[in-house]
N, C-alpha and C. Protein backbone atom coordinates (compact mmCIF):
# COMPACT_ATOMS: atom_id res chain seq x y z
N MET A 1 62.45 209.50 -21.33
CA MET A 1 62.73 209.77 -19.93
C MET A 1 62.21 211.16 -19.59
N PRO A 2 61.42 211.29 -18.53
CA PRO A 2 60.88 212.61 -18.16
C PRO A 2 61.99 213.59 -17.75
N PRO A 3 61.75 214.88 -17.98
CA PRO A 3 62.74 215.89 -17.60
C PRO A 3 63.15 215.83 -16.12
N LEU A 4 62.19 215.60 -15.22
CA LEU A 4 62.51 215.51 -13.81
C LEU A 4 63.49 214.38 -13.54
N THR A 5 63.30 213.25 -14.17
CA THR A 5 64.21 212.12 -14.00
C THR A 5 65.60 212.48 -14.51
N ARG A 6 65.67 213.13 -15.65
CA ARG A 6 66.98 213.53 -16.18
C ARG A 6 67.68 214.47 -15.20
N TRP A 7 66.95 215.44 -14.67
CA TRP A 7 67.54 216.36 -13.70
C TRP A 7 68.03 215.62 -12.46
N MET A 8 67.22 214.71 -11.96
CA MET A 8 67.61 213.97 -10.77
C MET A 8 68.84 213.11 -11.03
N LEU A 9 68.86 212.40 -12.13
CA LEU A 9 69.99 211.51 -12.42
C LEU A 9 71.27 212.29 -12.67
N LYS A 10 71.19 213.36 -13.44
CA LYS A 10 72.39 214.16 -13.71
C LYS A 10 72.90 214.83 -12.43
N THR A 11 71.99 215.34 -11.63
CA THR A 11 72.40 215.95 -10.37
C THR A 11 73.04 214.91 -9.44
N SER A 12 72.49 213.70 -9.44
CA SER A 12 73.08 212.64 -8.60
C SER A 12 74.50 212.32 -9.06
N LEU A 13 74.76 212.37 -10.37
CA LEU A 13 76.12 212.11 -10.87
C LEU A 13 77.08 213.23 -10.45
N VAL A 14 76.58 214.45 -10.39
CA VAL A 14 77.41 215.55 -9.91
C VAL A 14 77.78 215.31 -8.44
N TYR A 15 76.80 214.88 -7.65
CA TYR A 15 77.10 214.58 -6.24
C TYR A 15 78.08 213.41 -6.08
N LEU A 16 77.97 212.42 -6.95
CA LEU A 16 78.93 211.32 -6.91
C LEU A 16 80.34 211.85 -7.17
N PHE A 17 80.49 212.69 -8.19
CA PHE A 17 81.79 213.29 -8.48
C PHE A 17 82.31 214.09 -7.29
N LEU A 18 81.43 214.91 -6.69
CA LEU A 18 81.85 215.73 -5.55
C LEU A 18 82.22 214.86 -4.34
N ALA A 19 81.47 213.81 -4.09
CA ALA A 19 81.77 212.93 -2.97
C ALA A 19 83.15 212.28 -3.15
N LEU A 20 83.43 211.82 -4.34
CA LEU A 20 84.72 211.20 -4.62
C LEU A 20 85.84 212.24 -4.51
N LEU A 21 85.60 213.45 -4.99
CA LEU A 21 86.59 214.52 -4.89
C LEU A 21 86.88 214.86 -3.43
N VAL A 22 85.82 214.98 -2.64
CA VAL A 22 86.00 215.26 -1.21
C VAL A 22 86.82 214.14 -0.56
N GLY A 23 86.55 212.90 -0.92
CA GLY A 23 87.32 211.77 -0.38
C GLY A 23 88.80 211.86 -0.74
N ILE A 24 89.08 212.24 -1.98
CA ILE A 24 90.48 212.41 -2.40
C ILE A 24 91.15 213.50 -1.59
N LEU A 25 90.46 214.64 -1.47
CA LEU A 25 91.04 215.78 -0.72
C LEU A 25 91.22 215.43 0.74
N GLN A 26 90.29 214.66 1.32
CA GLN A 26 90.45 214.24 2.71
C GLN A 26 91.68 213.35 2.86
N GLY A 27 91.91 212.48 1.88
CA GLY A 27 93.09 211.62 1.92
C GLY A 27 94.39 212.38 1.75
N LEU A 28 94.35 213.47 1.00
CA LEU A 28 95.55 214.27 0.77
C LEU A 28 95.84 215.27 1.88
N ARG A 29 94.87 215.55 2.73
CA ARG A 29 95.02 216.58 3.76
C ARG A 29 96.24 216.37 4.64
N PRO A 30 96.55 215.12 5.08
CA PRO A 30 97.76 214.96 5.91
C PRO A 30 99.04 215.32 5.18
N TYR A 31 99.06 215.19 3.88
CA TYR A 31 100.27 215.43 3.10
C TYR A 31 100.34 216.83 2.54
N LEU A 32 99.17 217.41 2.24
CA LEU A 32 99.13 218.71 1.60
C LEU A 32 98.32 219.73 2.42
N GLY A 33 98.30 219.54 3.71
CA GLY A 33 97.48 220.40 4.58
C GLY A 33 97.74 221.87 4.38
N ALA A 34 99.01 222.26 4.26
CA ALA A 34 99.36 223.66 4.04
C ALA A 34 98.87 224.16 2.70
N ALA A 35 98.84 223.28 1.71
CA ALA A 35 98.39 223.67 0.38
C ALA A 35 96.87 223.67 0.26
N LEU A 36 96.19 223.06 1.21
CA LEU A 36 94.72 222.98 1.19
C LEU A 36 94.11 223.64 2.42
N PRO A 37 94.49 224.88 2.75
CA PRO A 37 93.95 225.50 3.97
C PRO A 37 92.45 225.73 3.90
N PHE A 38 91.91 225.88 2.70
CA PHE A 38 90.49 226.15 2.51
C PHE A 38 89.63 224.93 2.72
N PHE A 39 90.26 223.76 2.68
CA PHE A 39 89.49 222.53 2.69
C PHE A 39 89.36 222.00 4.11
N ARG A 40 88.13 222.02 4.66
CA ARG A 40 87.92 221.55 6.03
C ARG A 40 86.69 220.64 6.11
N ALA A 41 86.33 220.00 5.02
CA ALA A 41 85.13 219.19 5.02
C ALA A 41 85.31 217.94 5.90
N PRO A 42 84.50 217.79 6.93
CA PRO A 42 84.58 216.59 7.77
C PRO A 42 83.95 215.40 7.08
N GLU A 43 84.13 214.23 7.64
CA GLU A 43 83.63 212.99 7.05
C GLU A 43 82.12 212.99 6.78
N PRO A 44 81.27 213.56 7.64
CA PRO A 44 79.85 213.58 7.33
C PRO A 44 79.50 214.27 6.00
N VAL A 45 80.30 215.21 5.57
CA VAL A 45 80.04 215.86 4.28
C VAL A 45 80.14 214.85 3.15
N ARG A 46 81.22 214.06 3.16
CA ARG A 46 81.41 213.06 2.11
C ARG A 46 80.30 212.01 2.15
N VAL A 47 79.94 211.58 3.36
CA VAL A 47 78.89 210.57 3.50
C VAL A 47 77.55 211.10 2.98
N HIS A 48 77.22 212.34 3.33
CA HIS A 48 75.95 212.92 2.85
C HIS A 48 75.96 213.15 1.34
N LEU A 49 77.09 213.53 0.79
CA LEU A 49 77.14 213.67 -0.68
C LEU A 49 76.91 212.33 -1.34
N PHE A 50 77.46 211.26 -0.78
CA PHE A 50 77.25 209.92 -1.34
C PHE A 50 75.80 209.45 -1.12
N VAL A 51 75.37 209.44 0.11
CA VAL A 51 74.11 208.78 0.45
C VAL A 51 72.89 209.63 0.05
N VAL A 52 72.88 210.88 0.41
CA VAL A 52 71.74 211.73 0.08
C VAL A 52 71.86 212.25 -1.35
N GLY A 53 73.02 212.75 -1.71
CA GLY A 53 73.19 213.33 -3.02
C GLY A 53 73.17 212.33 -4.15
N TRP A 54 73.99 211.29 -4.06
CA TRP A 54 74.07 210.34 -5.15
C TRP A 54 72.99 209.27 -5.05
N LEU A 55 73.02 208.48 -3.97
CA LEU A 55 72.09 207.34 -3.90
C LEU A 55 70.63 207.73 -3.82
N THR A 56 70.29 208.62 -2.90
CA THR A 56 68.89 208.96 -2.71
C THR A 56 68.32 209.66 -3.95
N LEU A 57 69.06 210.59 -4.51
CA LEU A 57 68.57 211.31 -5.70
C LEU A 57 68.48 210.35 -6.89
N LEU A 58 69.42 209.42 -6.99
CA LEU A 58 69.34 208.41 -8.05
C LEU A 58 68.09 207.55 -7.89
N ILE A 59 67.81 207.14 -6.68
CA ILE A 59 66.62 206.33 -6.40
C ILE A 59 65.36 207.12 -6.70
N PHE A 60 65.30 208.38 -6.24
CA PHE A 60 64.13 209.21 -6.52
C PHE A 60 63.88 209.30 -8.01
N GLY A 61 64.93 209.53 -8.79
CA GLY A 61 64.77 209.68 -10.23
C GLY A 61 64.29 208.41 -10.91
N VAL A 62 64.86 207.29 -10.54
CA VAL A 62 64.47 206.01 -11.15
C VAL A 62 63.06 205.64 -10.76
N VAL A 63 62.70 205.85 -9.51
CA VAL A 63 61.34 205.54 -9.06
C VAL A 63 60.32 206.41 -9.79
N PHE A 64 60.60 207.71 -9.93
CA PHE A 64 59.68 208.59 -10.62
C PHE A 64 59.45 208.13 -12.05
N TRP A 65 60.52 207.64 -12.67
CA TRP A 65 60.46 207.22 -14.07
C TRP A 65 59.86 205.84 -14.25
N MET A 66 60.22 204.86 -13.42
CA MET A 66 59.96 203.45 -13.72
C MET A 66 58.79 202.82 -12.96
N PHE A 67 58.37 203.40 -11.87
CA PHE A 67 57.29 202.77 -11.10
C PHE A 67 55.99 202.72 -11.90
N PRO A 68 55.08 201.85 -11.50
CA PRO A 68 53.80 201.73 -12.24
C PRO A 68 53.08 203.07 -12.34
N LYS A 69 52.22 203.19 -13.36
CA LYS A 69 51.49 204.41 -13.60
C LYS A 69 50.50 204.69 -12.47
N TYR A 70 50.38 205.97 -12.17
CA TYR A 70 49.38 206.42 -11.20
C TYR A 70 48.00 206.35 -11.84
N SER A 71 47.89 206.92 -13.04
CA SER A 71 46.66 206.88 -13.82
C SER A 71 47.01 207.17 -15.27
N GLN A 72 46.07 207.03 -16.16
CA GLN A 72 46.33 207.35 -17.57
C GLN A 72 46.60 208.83 -17.78
N SER A 73 45.88 209.67 -17.04
CA SER A 73 46.05 211.11 -17.22
C SER A 73 47.29 211.65 -16.48
N LYS A 74 47.67 210.98 -15.38
CA LYS A 74 48.85 211.38 -14.61
C LYS A 74 49.71 210.15 -14.39
N PRO A 75 50.44 209.71 -15.40
CA PRO A 75 51.18 208.45 -15.28
C PRO A 75 52.21 208.45 -14.16
N ARG A 76 52.77 209.59 -13.85
CA ARG A 76 53.80 209.66 -12.80
C ARG A 76 53.31 210.35 -11.54
N GLY A 77 52.02 210.43 -11.40
CA GLY A 77 51.45 211.06 -10.22
C GLY A 77 51.47 212.57 -10.37
N HIS A 78 51.65 213.26 -9.28
CA HIS A 78 51.68 214.71 -9.25
C HIS A 78 53.12 215.17 -9.45
N GLU A 79 53.42 215.59 -10.66
CA GLU A 79 54.80 215.96 -10.99
C GLU A 79 55.33 217.06 -10.08
N TRP A 80 54.46 217.97 -9.65
CA TRP A 80 54.92 219.06 -8.79
C TRP A 80 55.48 218.51 -7.48
N LEU A 81 54.96 217.37 -7.00
CA LEU A 81 55.53 216.76 -5.79
C LEU A 81 56.94 216.24 -6.05
N GLY A 82 57.17 215.73 -7.26
CA GLY A 82 58.50 215.29 -7.62
C GLY A 82 59.49 216.45 -7.66
N TRP A 83 59.07 217.54 -8.28
CA TRP A 83 59.94 218.73 -8.30
C TRP A 83 60.16 219.31 -6.91
N LEU A 84 59.12 219.25 -6.09
CA LEU A 84 59.27 219.73 -4.71
C LEU A 84 60.29 218.87 -3.96
N ALA A 85 60.18 217.55 -4.11
CA ALA A 85 61.14 216.64 -3.46
C ALA A 85 62.56 216.94 -3.93
N TYR A 86 62.71 217.14 -5.24
CA TYR A 86 64.02 217.46 -5.82
C TYR A 86 64.60 218.75 -5.23
N GLY A 87 63.79 219.79 -5.20
CA GLY A 87 64.26 221.06 -4.67
C GLY A 87 64.59 221.02 -3.19
N LEU A 88 63.70 220.40 -2.40
CA LEU A 88 63.93 220.33 -0.97
C LEU A 88 65.15 219.48 -0.63
N LEU A 89 65.31 218.36 -1.33
CA LEU A 89 66.44 217.49 -1.06
C LEU A 89 67.77 218.19 -1.37
N ASN A 90 67.81 218.86 -2.50
CA ASN A 90 69.04 219.58 -2.88
C ASN A 90 69.32 220.75 -1.94
N ALA A 91 68.28 221.51 -1.60
CA ALA A 91 68.49 222.62 -0.66
C ALA A 91 68.98 222.12 0.69
N GLY A 92 68.38 221.04 1.15
CA GLY A 92 68.80 220.46 2.43
C GLY A 92 70.25 219.96 2.39
N LEU A 93 70.61 219.35 1.28
CA LEU A 93 71.98 218.82 1.16
C LEU A 93 73.00 219.93 1.10
N VAL A 94 72.72 220.98 0.36
CA VAL A 94 73.65 222.11 0.25
C VAL A 94 73.80 222.77 1.61
N LEU A 95 72.70 222.96 2.33
CA LEU A 95 72.80 223.55 3.68
C LEU A 95 73.55 222.63 4.63
N ARG A 96 73.39 221.33 4.46
CA ARG A 96 74.12 220.38 5.30
C ARG A 96 75.63 220.48 5.06
N VAL A 97 76.02 220.56 3.83
CA VAL A 97 77.45 220.67 3.50
C VAL A 97 78.02 221.96 4.09
N ILE A 98 77.29 223.06 3.95
CA ILE A 98 77.75 224.34 4.50
C ILE A 98 77.81 224.27 6.02
N GLY A 99 76.76 223.77 6.64
CA GLY A 99 76.71 223.70 8.11
C GLY A 99 77.78 222.81 8.70
N GLU A 100 78.00 221.64 8.07
CA GLU A 100 79.02 220.72 8.57
C GLU A 100 80.43 221.27 8.39
N SER A 101 80.62 221.97 7.28
CA SER A 101 81.99 222.45 6.97
C SER A 101 82.36 223.71 7.73
N ALA A 102 81.38 224.52 8.08
CA ALA A 102 81.71 225.86 8.59
C ALA A 102 81.47 226.07 10.07
N GLY A 103 80.63 225.27 10.71
CA GLY A 103 80.20 225.70 12.02
C GLY A 103 80.30 224.71 13.13
N GLN A 104 79.87 225.19 14.27
CA GLN A 104 79.81 224.42 15.50
C GLN A 104 78.37 224.36 15.99
N PRO A 105 78.02 223.32 16.74
CA PRO A 105 76.66 223.26 17.31
C PRO A 105 76.38 224.50 18.15
N GLY A 106 75.15 224.99 18.06
CA GLY A 106 74.75 226.16 18.83
C GLY A 106 75.00 227.49 18.13
N THR A 107 75.71 227.46 17.02
CA THR A 107 75.96 228.69 16.25
C THR A 107 74.98 228.74 15.08
N PHE A 108 75.08 229.80 14.30
CA PHE A 108 74.24 229.90 13.09
C PHE A 108 74.45 228.72 12.20
N PHE A 109 75.69 228.30 11.99
CA PHE A 109 75.97 227.18 11.10
C PHE A 109 75.46 225.87 11.71
N GLY A 110 75.47 225.78 13.02
CA GLY A 110 74.88 224.61 13.66
C GLY A 110 73.38 224.51 13.39
N TRP A 111 72.72 225.67 13.38
CA TRP A 111 71.28 225.68 13.09
C TRP A 111 71.00 225.33 11.64
N LEU A 112 71.97 225.56 10.75
CA LEU A 112 71.78 225.12 9.37
C LEU A 112 71.59 223.61 9.27
N LEU A 113 72.23 222.88 10.17
CA LEU A 113 72.07 221.42 10.19
C LEU A 113 70.63 221.04 10.52
N VAL A 114 70.02 221.76 11.42
CA VAL A 114 68.62 221.50 11.79
C VAL A 114 67.72 221.81 10.60
N VAL A 115 67.92 222.97 9.99
CA VAL A 115 67.11 223.36 8.84
C VAL A 115 67.30 222.35 7.70
N SER A 116 68.55 221.93 7.48
CA SER A 116 68.81 220.98 6.40
C SER A 116 68.11 219.64 6.64
N ALA A 117 68.11 219.19 7.88
CA ALA A 117 67.42 217.93 8.20
C ALA A 117 65.92 218.05 7.97
N VAL A 118 65.34 219.18 8.33
CA VAL A 118 63.90 219.38 8.11
C VAL A 118 63.59 219.41 6.62
N LEU A 119 64.42 220.09 5.84
CA LEU A 119 64.19 220.14 4.39
C LEU A 119 64.30 218.76 3.75
N GLN A 120 65.26 217.97 4.18
CA GLN A 120 65.41 216.62 3.65
C GLN A 120 64.24 215.73 4.08
N TRP A 121 63.75 215.91 5.28
CA TRP A 121 62.60 215.14 5.75
C TRP A 121 61.36 215.52 4.93
N LEU A 122 61.17 216.80 4.66
CA LEU A 122 60.04 217.26 3.84
C LEU A 122 60.16 216.70 2.41
N ALA A 123 61.40 216.63 1.89
CA ALA A 123 61.61 216.03 0.57
C ALA A 123 61.17 214.56 0.58
N ALA A 124 61.51 213.86 1.63
CA ALA A 124 61.10 212.46 1.73
C ALA A 124 59.57 212.33 1.79
N LEU A 125 58.93 213.22 2.52
CA LEU A 125 57.45 213.21 2.59
C LEU A 125 56.83 213.46 1.21
N ALA A 126 57.38 214.42 0.47
CA ALA A 126 56.86 214.70 -0.87
C ALA A 126 57.08 213.49 -1.79
N PHE A 127 58.24 212.88 -1.69
CA PHE A 127 58.53 211.68 -2.49
C PHE A 127 57.56 210.54 -2.14
N ILE A 128 57.36 210.31 -0.86
CA ILE A 128 56.45 209.24 -0.41
C ILE A 128 55.02 209.53 -0.85
N ALA A 129 54.59 210.79 -0.70
CA ALA A 129 53.22 211.14 -1.08
C ALA A 129 52.97 210.91 -2.55
N ASN A 130 53.99 211.13 -3.39
CA ASN A 130 53.82 210.92 -4.83
C ASN A 130 53.98 209.44 -5.21
N THR A 131 54.79 208.70 -4.47
CA THR A 131 55.12 207.33 -4.84
C THR A 131 54.11 206.31 -4.26
N TRP A 132 53.63 206.56 -3.06
CA TRP A 132 52.76 205.59 -2.36
C TRP A 132 51.58 205.11 -3.22
N PRO A 133 50.84 206.01 -3.86
CA PRO A 133 49.71 205.54 -4.65
C PRO A 133 50.12 204.72 -5.90
N ARG A 134 51.35 204.81 -6.30
CA ARG A 134 51.81 204.04 -7.46
C ARG A 134 52.19 202.59 -7.12
N VAL A 135 52.30 202.33 -5.83
CA VAL A 135 52.63 200.96 -5.37
C VAL A 135 51.32 200.29 -5.00
N LYS A 136 50.80 199.53 -5.96
CA LYS A 136 49.46 198.92 -5.75
C LYS A 136 49.42 197.55 -6.45
N GLU A 137 48.46 196.77 -6.05
CA GLU A 137 48.25 195.46 -6.68
C GLU A 137 47.61 195.66 -8.04
N LYS A 138 47.82 194.69 -8.91
CA LYS A 138 47.16 194.75 -10.23
C LYS A 138 45.72 194.39 -10.14
């Protein structure tokens, strides 16, 4: 298994753990609100941790590893594009969690949501650019 795939899969498992933890804390908030004053993560945080963090990163990692070879010399295509997708997706997700948890639209934290969306979109472009040539007829 390539190092990039290992990083993607292990990071996706961390996001799965965090998404489940956020869900537990959201469920406990009505009962332990005074004991959890620091916890203000809205529902989109949990959804993004699940969908972008766990599912998307898991898919990226498996596709990078298992899809047909690009060529004999570059079996997985341009590895730098894979690392770029990994970095951009994670940076976008972290900024999304911060922006959703801390701010309001029109503020600095609201602008983090815009930046996070652009970073995640760029990650998708890097992933597509590396994967598209690997999807071909025999």
